[in-house]
């Protein structure tokens, strides 16, 4: 077994879609980023890459490369699964936290879990998404950003 930790944060901006866990959530602002800005998937991808000793998300999916512009972060997940497979590893479990002031994520967490389970090839019972606020503190607390962190456990094939 191998474990990795991932983290990501993106600014909220008008004119962007709010995509978290592969789910488009109705909101007045969305996550700014080169890809779809899905901070949750980015944190999970980063954790999986770290657990596999494969560096970080920026090394594989650089915001300097045009091919990743506007792409769904589910693509990053599939590519990461492929990289792990080459090392005879697979994702066994995902635990994650999204930190934002709003909107409430309760209605979307099941769909987020479903998307992650499918993208990483993990049984749904081993995928968890938690949502927290930042209690009004900092950029997240002021509704200017969304952050996510994740822990991923890998197993040998």
N, C-alpha and C. Protein backbone atom coordinates (compact mmCIF):
# COMPACT_ATOMS: atom_id res chain seq x y z
N UNK A 1 0.85 -1.19 0.00
CA UNK A 1 0.00 0.00 0.00
C UNK A 1 0.89 1.25 0.00
N UNK A 2 0.43 2.28 -0.67
CA UNK A 2 1.13 3.57 -0.74
C UNK A 2 0.10 4.67 -0.56
N UNK A 3 0.50 5.76 0.10
CA UNK A 3 -0.43 6.85 0.37
C UNK A 3 0.11 8.17 -0.15
N UNK A 4 -0.79 9.03 -0.63
CA UNK A 4 -0.40 10.35 -1.12
C UNK A 4 -1.40 11.39 -0.65
N UNK A 5 -0.92 12.63 -0.55
CA UNK A 5 -1.75 13.75 -0.12
C UNK A 5 -1.77 14.78 -1.24
N UNK A 6 -2.94 15.33 -1.52
CA UNK A 6 -3.06 16.35 -2.56
C UNK A 6 -3.82 17.57 -2.05
N UNK A 7 -3.53 18.71 -2.66
CA UNK A 7 -4.17 19.97 -2.29
C UNK A 7 -4.28 20.84 -3.53
N UNK A 8 -5.37 21.60 -3.62
CA UNK A 8 -5.51 22.56 -4.70
C UNK A 8 -6.42 23.69 -4.24
N UNK A 9 -6.22 24.85 -4.83
CA UNK A 9 -7.06 26.02 -4.55
C UNK A 9 -7.21 26.80 -5.85
N UNK A 10 -8.43 27.29 -6.10
CA UNK A 10 -8.70 28.11 -7.28
C UNK A 10 -9.56 29.28 -6.87
N UNK A 11 -9.32 30.42 -7.53
CA UNK A 11 -10.13 31.61 -7.31
C UNK A 11 -11.50 31.43 -7.96
N UNK A 12 -12.50 32.03 -7.36
CA UNK A 12 -13.84 32.07 -7.93
C UNK A 12 -13.97 33.34 -8.76
N UNK A 13 -14.49 33.18 -9.98
CA UNK A 13 -14.65 34.32 -10.88
C UNK A 13 -15.99 34.26 -11.59
N UNK A 14 -16.56 35.42 -11.85
CA UNK A 14 -17.79 35.49 -12.65
C UNK A 14 -17.46 35.06 -14.08
N UNK A 15 -18.45 34.46 -14.74
CA UNK A 15 -18.27 34.05 -16.13
C UNK A 15 -17.64 32.67 -16.28
N UNK A 16 -17.41 31.97 -15.17
CA UNK A 16 -16.85 30.61 -15.21
C UNK A 16 -17.88 29.66 -14.60
N UNK A 17 -17.83 28.40 -15.02
CA UNK A 17 -18.68 27.37 -14.42
C UNK A 17 -18.04 26.86 -13.14
N UNK A 18 -18.87 26.55 -12.17
CA UNK A 18 -18.38 25.94 -10.94
C UNK A 18 -18.45 24.42 -11.12
N UNK A 19 -17.28 23.81 -11.32
CA UNK A 19 -17.18 22.37 -11.51
C UNK A 19 -16.38 21.80 -10.36
N UNK A 20 -16.99 20.89 -9.61
CA UNK A 20 -16.32 20.21 -8.50
C UNK A 20 -16.66 18.73 -8.56
N UNK A 21 -15.65 17.90 -8.52
CA UNK A 21 -15.89 16.47 -8.60
C UNK A 21 -16.54 16.06 -9.90
N UNK A 22 -16.29 16.84 -10.96
CA UNK A 22 -16.88 16.54 -12.26
C UNK A 22 -18.34 16.93 -12.38
N UNK A 23 -18.87 17.63 -11.40
CA UNK A 23 -20.28 18.05 -11.39
C UNK A 23 -20.35 19.56 -11.59
N UNK A 24 -21.16 20.01 -12.53
CA UNK A 24 -21.38 21.44 -12.71
C UNK A 24 -22.49 21.86 -11.75
N UNK A 25 -22.13 22.81 -10.88
CA UNK A 25 -23.01 23.25 -9.80
C UNK A 25 -23.48 24.67 -10.08
N UNK A 26 -24.78 24.92 -10.06
CA UNK A 26 -25.27 26.27 -10.30
C UNK A 26 -24.73 27.24 -9.24
N UNK A 27 -24.10 28.31 -9.71
CA UNK A 27 -23.54 29.33 -8.81
C UNK A 27 -23.22 30.57 -9.64
N UNK A 28 -23.16 31.71 -9.00
CA UNK A 28 -22.88 32.96 -9.71
C UNK A 28 -21.43 33.08 -10.16
N UNK A 29 -20.55 32.25 -9.59
CA UNK A 29 -19.13 32.28 -9.95
C UNK A 29 -18.65 30.85 -10.16
N UNK A 30 -17.55 30.74 -10.91
CA UNK A 30 -16.94 29.44 -11.13
C UNK A 30 -15.46 29.49 -10.84
N UNK A 31 -14.82 28.35 -10.93
CA UNK A 31 -13.39 28.25 -10.61
C UNK A 31 -12.52 28.64 -11.79
N UNK A 32 -11.62 29.57 -11.54
CA UNK A 32 -10.70 30.05 -12.56
C UNK A 32 -9.54 29.08 -12.67
N UNK A 33 -9.22 28.68 -13.89
CA UNK A 33 -8.09 27.79 -14.10
C UNK A 33 -7.89 27.55 -15.58
N UNK A 34 -6.75 26.95 -15.90
CA UNK A 34 -6.41 26.65 -17.30
C UNK A 34 -7.35 25.57 -17.84
N UNK A 35 -7.60 24.55 -17.01
CA UNK A 35 -8.55 23.49 -17.39
C UNK A 35 -9.93 23.93 -16.92
N UNK A 36 -10.74 22.99 -16.46
CA UNK A 36 -12.05 23.36 -15.91
C UNK A 36 -11.96 23.91 -14.49
N UNK A 37 -10.76 23.87 -13.91
CA UNK A 37 -10.54 24.42 -12.56
C UNK A 37 -11.09 23.57 -11.43
N UNK A 38 -11.41 22.31 -11.70
CA UNK A 38 -12.01 21.42 -10.70
C UNK A 38 -11.00 21.12 -9.59
N UNK A 39 -11.03 21.93 -8.54
CA UNK A 39 -10.06 21.81 -7.45
C UNK A 39 -10.12 20.44 -6.76
N UNK A 40 -11.31 19.85 -6.70
CA UNK A 40 -11.45 18.54 -6.05
C UNK A 40 -10.72 17.46 -6.86
N UNK A 41 -10.99 17.38 -8.15
CA UNK A 41 -10.29 16.39 -8.97
C UNK A 41 -8.79 16.67 -9.00
N UNK A 42 -8.40 17.94 -9.02
CA UNK A 42 -6.97 18.27 -9.03
C UNK A 42 -6.28 17.77 -7.76
N UNK A 43 -6.92 17.93 -6.62
CA UNK A 43 -6.34 17.45 -5.36
C UNK A 43 -6.22 15.93 -5.35
N UNK A 44 -7.23 15.24 -5.86
CA UNK A 44 -7.19 13.77 -5.89
C UNK A 44 -6.13 13.29 -6.87
N UNK A 45 -6.04 13.91 -8.03
CA UNK A 45 -5.00 13.54 -9.01
C UNK A 45 -3.62 13.76 -8.40
N UNK A 46 -3.42 14.89 -7.75
CA UNK A 46 -2.13 15.19 -7.13
C UNK A 46 -1.78 14.16 -6.06
N UNK A 47 -2.77 13.76 -5.27
CA UNK A 47 -2.54 12.74 -4.23
C UNK A 47 -2.18 11.40 -4.85
N UNK A 48 -2.88 11.02 -5.92
CA UNK A 48 -2.61 9.74 -6.58
C UNK A 48 -1.22 9.75 -7.22
N UNK A 49 -0.87 10.84 -7.86
CA UNK A 49 0.47 10.94 -8.46
C UNK A 49 1.55 10.86 -7.38
N UNK A 50 1.33 11.56 -6.28
CA UNK A 50 2.30 11.54 -5.18
C UNK A 50 2.46 10.15 -4.60
N UNK A 51 1.36 9.46 -4.39
CA UNK A 51 1.42 8.10 -3.85
C UNK A 51 2.18 7.16 -4.78
N UNK A 52 2.07 7.43 -6.07
CA UNK A 52 2.74 6.59 -7.06
C UNK A 52 4.19 6.99 -7.32
N UNK A 53 4.65 8.04 -6.63
CA UNK A 53 6.02 8.53 -6.86
C UNK A 53 6.17 9.13 -8.25
N UNK A 54 5.09 9.74 -8.74
CA UNK A 54 5.06 10.25 -10.11
C UNK A 54 5.08 11.78 -10.18
N UNK A 55 5.53 12.43 -9.14
CA UNK A 55 5.59 13.89 -9.17
C UNK A 55 4.26 14.51 -8.82
N UNK A 56 3.95 15.62 -9.52
CA UNK A 56 2.72 16.34 -9.21
C UNK A 56 1.94 16.68 -10.47
N UNK A 57 0.76 17.22 -10.26
CA UNK A 57 -0.16 17.51 -11.36
C UNK A 57 0.43 18.48 -12.38
N UNK A 58 1.20 19.46 -11.92
CA UNK A 58 1.81 20.44 -12.82
C UNK A 58 2.84 19.83 -13.76
N UNK A 59 3.47 18.76 -13.33
CA UNK A 59 4.46 18.09 -14.18
C UNK A 59 3.80 17.33 -15.33
N UNK A 60 2.60 16.84 -15.11
CA UNK A 60 1.91 16.03 -16.11
C UNK A 60 0.87 16.81 -16.91
N UNK A 61 0.27 17.82 -16.30
CA UNK A 61 -0.83 18.56 -16.92
C UNK A 61 -0.59 20.06 -16.79
N UNK A 62 0.52 20.52 -17.32
CA UNK A 62 0.96 21.90 -17.16
C UNK A 62 -0.03 22.91 -17.74
N UNK A 63 -0.21 24.00 -17.01
CA UNK A 63 -1.09 25.08 -17.51
C UNK A 63 -0.40 25.87 -18.63
N UNK A 64 0.79 25.47 -19.00
CA UNK A 64 1.50 26.09 -20.13
C UNK A 64 1.23 25.34 -21.44
N UNK A 65 0.58 24.20 -21.33
CA UNK A 65 0.29 23.40 -22.52
C UNK A 65 -1.13 23.65 -23.00
N UNK A 66 -1.24 24.03 -24.28
CA UNK A 66 -2.55 24.35 -24.87
C UNK A 66 -3.50 23.17 -24.86
N UNK A 67 -2.97 21.94 -24.94
CA UNK A 67 -3.85 20.77 -25.03
C UNK A 67 -4.70 20.57 -23.77
N UNK A 68 -4.29 21.20 -22.64
CA UNK A 68 -5.06 21.05 -21.40
C UNK A 68 -6.03 22.21 -21.18
N UNK A 69 -6.00 23.21 -22.07
CA UNK A 69 -6.87 24.39 -21.90
C UNK A 69 -8.34 23.98 -22.00
N UNK A 70 -9.09 24.28 -20.95
CA UNK A 70 -10.52 24.02 -20.92
C UNK A 70 -10.92 22.56 -20.78
N UNK A 71 -9.95 21.67 -20.66
CA UNK A 71 -10.25 20.24 -20.60
C UNK A 71 -10.89 19.86 -19.26
N UNK A 72 -11.74 18.85 -19.30
CA UNK A 72 -12.34 18.32 -18.08
C UNK A 72 -11.27 17.63 -17.24
N UNK A 73 -11.29 17.86 -15.96
CA UNK A 73 -10.31 17.23 -15.07
C UNK A 73 -10.50 15.73 -14.96
N UNK A 74 -11.62 15.21 -15.42
CA UNK A 74 -11.80 13.76 -15.48
C UNK A 74 -10.76 13.14 -16.42
N UNK A 75 -10.34 13.89 -17.44
CA UNK A 75 -9.27 13.44 -18.34
C UNK A 75 -7.98 13.27 -17.55
N UNK A 76 -7.69 14.20 -16.64
CA UNK A 76 -6.49 14.09 -15.81
C UNK A 76 -6.53 12.81 -14.98
N UNK A 77 -7.72 12.49 -14.47
CA UNK A 77 -7.89 11.28 -13.66
C UNK A 77 -7.59 10.04 -14.50
N UNK A 78 -8.16 9.97 -15.70
CA UNK A 78 -7.95 8.81 -16.57
C UNK A 78 -6.48 8.66 -16.94
N UNK A 79 -5.83 9.77 -17.25
CA UNK A 79 -4.40 9.75 -17.58
C UNK A 79 -3.58 9.28 -16.38
N UNK A 80 -3.96 9.70 -15.20
CA UNK A 80 -3.26 9.31 -13.97
C UNK A 80 -3.42 7.82 -13.73
N UNK A 81 -4.61 7.30 -13.93
CA UNK A 81 -4.85 5.86 -13.78
C UNK A 81 -3.93 5.09 -14.72
N UNK A 82 -3.78 5.57 -15.94
CA UNK A 82 -2.91 4.93 -16.92
C UNK A 82 -1.44 4.95 -16.47
N UNK A 83 -1.00 6.07 -15.94
CA UNK A 83 0.38 6.18 -15.42
C UNK A 83 0.60 5.21 -14.26
N UNK A 84 -0.38 5.12 -13.38
CA UNK A 84 -0.28 4.21 -12.23
C UNK A 84 -0.23 2.76 -12.69
N UNK A 85 -1.05 2.44 -13.68
CA UNK A 85 -1.11 1.07 -14.19
C UNK A 85 0.26 0.62 -14.71
N UNK A 86 0.99 1.53 -15.35
CA UNK A 86 2.34 1.23 -15.86
C UNK A 86 3.29 0.86 -14.72
N UNK A 87 3.00 1.38 -13.52
CA UNK A 87 3.82 1.07 -12.34
C UNK A 87 3.20 -0.06 -11.52
N UNK A 88 2.18 -0.72 -12.11
CA UNK A 88 1.48 -1.83 -11.45
C UNK A 88 0.83 -1.40 -10.13
N UNK A 89 0.21 -0.22 -10.18
CA UNK A 89 -0.50 0.34 -9.03
C UNK A 89 -1.90 0.72 -9.45
N UNK A 90 -2.82 0.74 -8.47
CA UNK A 90 -4.16 1.25 -8.72
C UNK A 90 -4.69 1.92 -7.46
N UNK A 91 -5.63 2.83 -7.67
CA UNK A 91 -6.24 3.55 -6.56
C UNK A 91 -7.14 2.57 -5.81
N UNK A 92 -6.96 2.53 -4.50
CA UNK A 92 -7.77 1.67 -3.65
C UNK A 92 -8.82 2.47 -2.89
N UNK A 93 -8.44 3.67 -2.40
CA UNK A 93 -9.36 4.47 -1.60
C UNK A 93 -9.06 5.95 -1.77
N UNK A 94 -10.12 6.77 -1.72
CA UNK A 94 -10.02 8.23 -1.83
C UNK A 94 -10.82 8.86 -0.71
N UNK A 95 -10.20 9.77 0.03
CA UNK A 95 -10.92 10.58 1.01
C UNK A 95 -10.59 12.03 0.70
N UNK A 96 -11.59 12.88 0.64
CA UNK A 96 -11.37 14.26 0.21
C UNK A 96 -12.23 15.25 0.99
N UNK A 97 -11.76 16.50 0.95
CA UNK A 97 -12.49 17.61 1.59
C UNK A 97 -12.50 18.78 0.62
N UNK A 98 -13.66 19.39 0.46
CA UNK A 98 -13.78 20.64 -0.30
C UNK A 98 -14.11 21.73 0.71
N UNK A 99 -13.38 22.85 0.64
CA UNK A 99 -13.61 23.96 1.56
C UNK A 99 -14.09 25.16 0.75
N UNK A 100 -15.32 25.59 1.04
CA UNK A 100 -15.93 26.74 0.36
C UNK A 100 -17.05 27.28 1.22
N UNK A 101 -17.38 28.54 1.02
CA UNK A 101 -18.46 29.14 1.81
C UNK A 101 -19.83 28.83 1.22
N UNK A 102 -19.90 28.63 -0.05
CA UNK A 102 -21.17 28.31 -0.69
C UNK A 102 -20.92 28.08 -2.16
N UNK A 103 -21.80 27.41 -2.80
CA UNK A 103 -23.06 26.86 -2.32
C UNK A 103 -22.87 25.58 -1.51
N UNK A 104 -23.93 25.15 -0.87
CA UNK A 104 -23.91 23.88 -0.13
C UNK A 104 -23.70 22.74 -1.11
N UNK A 105 -22.85 21.80 -0.75
CA UNK A 105 -22.54 20.69 -1.66
C UNK A 105 -23.33 19.42 -1.40
N UNK A 106 -24.10 19.37 -0.32
CA UNK A 106 -24.84 18.15 0.02
C UNK A 106 -25.60 17.54 -1.15
N UNK A 107 -26.32 18.34 -1.96
CA UNK A 107 -27.08 17.74 -3.06
C UNK A 107 -26.20 17.14 -4.17
N UNK A 108 -24.90 17.45 -4.17
CA UNK A 108 -24.02 17.07 -5.27
C UNK A 108 -22.97 16.03 -4.89
N UNK A 109 -22.83 15.76 -3.60
CA UNK A 109 -21.75 14.88 -3.15
C UNK A 109 -21.85 13.46 -3.71
N UNK A 110 -23.04 12.92 -3.83
CA UNK A 110 -23.20 11.56 -4.37
C UNK A 110 -22.70 11.51 -5.82
N UNK A 111 -23.07 12.50 -6.63
CA UNK A 111 -22.62 12.56 -8.02
C UNK A 111 -21.11 12.74 -8.10
N UNK A 112 -20.54 13.53 -7.20
CA UNK A 112 -19.08 13.71 -7.15
C UNK A 112 -18.39 12.38 -6.86
N UNK A 113 -18.92 11.67 -5.86
CA UNK A 113 -18.36 10.35 -5.50
C UNK A 113 -18.46 9.39 -6.68
N UNK A 114 -19.62 9.37 -7.34
CA UNK A 114 -19.82 8.51 -8.50
C UNK A 114 -18.78 8.82 -9.59
N UNK A 115 -18.59 10.11 -9.87
CA UNK A 115 -17.62 10.51 -10.90
C UNK A 115 -16.21 10.08 -10.54
N UNK A 116 -15.82 10.28 -9.29
CA UNK A 116 -14.47 9.89 -8.87
C UNK A 116 -14.30 8.38 -8.91
N UNK A 117 -15.30 7.65 -8.45
CA UNK A 117 -15.21 6.19 -8.45
C UNK A 117 -15.03 5.67 -9.87
N UNK A 118 -15.83 6.20 -10.80
CA UNK A 118 -15.72 5.78 -12.20
C UNK A 118 -14.37 6.17 -12.80
N UNK A 119 -13.98 7.41 -12.62
CA UNK A 119 -12.74 7.91 -13.24
C UNK A 119 -11.50 7.19 -12.74
N UNK A 120 -11.48 6.85 -11.45
CA UNK A 120 -10.30 6.20 -10.87
C UNK A 120 -10.44 4.69 -10.76
N UNK A 121 -11.60 4.16 -11.16
CA UNK A 121 -11.80 2.72 -11.12
C UNK A 121 -11.84 2.16 -9.71
N UNK A 122 -12.51 2.88 -8.81
CA UNK A 122 -12.58 2.51 -7.40
C UNK A 122 -14.03 2.19 -7.04
N UNK A 123 -14.22 1.20 -6.19
CA UNK A 123 -15.55 0.90 -5.69
C UNK A 123 -16.09 2.13 -4.95
N UNK A 124 -17.33 2.47 -5.20
CA UNK A 124 -17.96 3.66 -4.60
C UNK A 124 -17.84 3.68 -3.08
N UNK A 125 -17.85 2.51 -2.45
CA UNK A 125 -17.78 2.44 -0.99
C UNK A 125 -16.43 2.92 -0.45
N UNK A 126 -15.44 3.08 -1.34
CA UNK A 126 -14.10 3.52 -0.91
C UNK A 126 -13.77 4.93 -1.40
N UNK A 127 -14.82 5.71 -1.70
CA UNK A 127 -14.65 7.10 -2.14
C UNK A 127 -15.49 7.98 -1.23
N UNK A 128 -14.87 9.01 -0.66
CA UNK A 128 -15.58 9.90 0.24
C UNK A 128 -15.32 11.36 -0.12
N UNK A 129 -16.35 12.17 -0.02
CA UNK A 129 -16.25 13.62 -0.23
C UNK A 129 -16.90 14.30 0.97
N UNK A 130 -16.14 15.19 1.60
CA UNK A 130 -16.67 15.99 2.70
C UNK A 130 -16.65 17.45 2.27
N UNK A 131 -17.54 18.25 2.81
CA UNK A 131 -17.59 19.68 2.51
C UNK A 131 -17.54 20.46 3.82
N UNK A 132 -16.73 21.48 3.83
CA UNK A 132 -16.57 22.35 5.01
C UNK A 132 -16.59 23.80 4.57
N UNK A 133 -16.86 24.69 5.51
CA UNK A 133 -16.69 26.12 5.25
C UNK A 133 -15.39 26.55 5.91
N UNK A 134 -14.98 27.77 5.63
CA UNK A 134 -13.78 28.32 6.26
C UNK A 134 -14.17 29.33 7.34
N UNK A 135 -15.46 29.24 7.74
CA UNK A 135 -15.98 30.07 8.84
C UNK A 135 -15.70 31.57 8.66
N UNK A 136 -15.73 32.01 7.39
CA UNK A 136 -15.56 33.44 7.11
C UNK A 136 -14.12 33.92 7.06
N UNK A 137 -13.15 33.03 7.26
CA UNK A 137 -11.75 33.45 7.28
C UNK A 137 -11.10 33.39 5.90
N UNK A 138 -10.26 34.38 5.60
CA UNK A 138 -9.45 34.39 4.40
C UNK A 138 -10.25 34.46 3.11
N UNK A 139 -9.54 34.24 1.98
CA UNK A 139 -10.17 34.32 0.67
C UNK A 139 -11.29 33.30 0.52
N UNK A 140 -11.11 32.12 1.08
CA UNK A 140 -12.17 31.10 1.00
C UNK A 140 -13.38 31.56 1.79
N UNK A 141 -13.16 32.05 2.98
CA UNK A 141 -14.24 32.51 3.84
C UNK A 141 -15.00 33.70 3.29
N UNK A 142 -14.33 34.48 2.46
CA UNK A 142 -14.97 35.64 1.83
C UNK A 142 -15.62 35.27 0.49
N UNK A 143 -15.62 33.99 0.15
CA UNK A 143 -16.24 33.55 -1.09
C UNK A 143 -15.44 33.87 -2.33
N UNK A 144 -14.12 34.04 -2.18
CA UNK A 144 -13.26 34.38 -3.31
C UNK A 144 -12.52 33.18 -3.88
N UNK A 145 -12.56 32.04 -3.19
CA UNK A 145 -11.80 30.87 -3.63
C UNK A 145 -12.43 29.59 -3.07
N UNK A 146 -12.02 28.48 -3.66
CA UNK A 146 -12.40 27.14 -3.21
C UNK A 146 -11.13 26.32 -3.12
N UNK A 147 -10.98 25.57 -2.03
CA UNK A 147 -9.82 24.70 -1.86
C UNK A 147 -10.29 23.27 -1.67
N UNK A 148 -9.42 22.34 -1.98
CA UNK A 148 -9.73 20.92 -1.77
C UNK A 148 -8.45 20.21 -1.37
N UNK A 149 -8.62 19.20 -0.54
CA UNK A 149 -7.49 18.34 -0.18
C UNK A 149 -7.97 16.89 -0.27
N UNK A 150 -7.00 16.00 -0.46
CA UNK A 150 -7.35 14.60 -0.63
C UNK A 150 -6.23 13.71 -0.15
N UNK A 151 -6.62 12.53 0.29
CA UNK A 151 -5.69 11.45 0.62
C UNK A 151 -6.09 10.27 -0.26
N UNK A 152 -5.10 9.70 -0.93
CA UNK A 152 -5.35 8.56 -1.81
C UNK A 152 -4.47 7.40 -1.37
N UNK A 153 -5.08 6.23 -1.26
CA UNK A 153 -4.37 5.02 -0.94
C UNK A 153 -4.30 4.16 -2.19
N UNK A 154 -3.08 3.74 -2.55
CA UNK A 154 -2.87 2.90 -3.71
C UNK A 154 -2.55 1.48 -3.24
N UNK A 155 -2.82 0.53 -4.13
CA UNK A 155 -2.42 -0.86 -3.88
C UNK A 155 -1.70 -1.40 -5.10
N UNK A 156 -0.88 -2.41 -4.90
CA UNK A 156 -0.17 -3.08 -5.99
C UNK A 156 -1.17 -3.93 -6.78
N UNK A 157 -0.99 -3.99 -8.08
CA UNK A 157 -1.83 -4.83 -8.93
C UNK A 157 -1.37 -6.28 -8.82
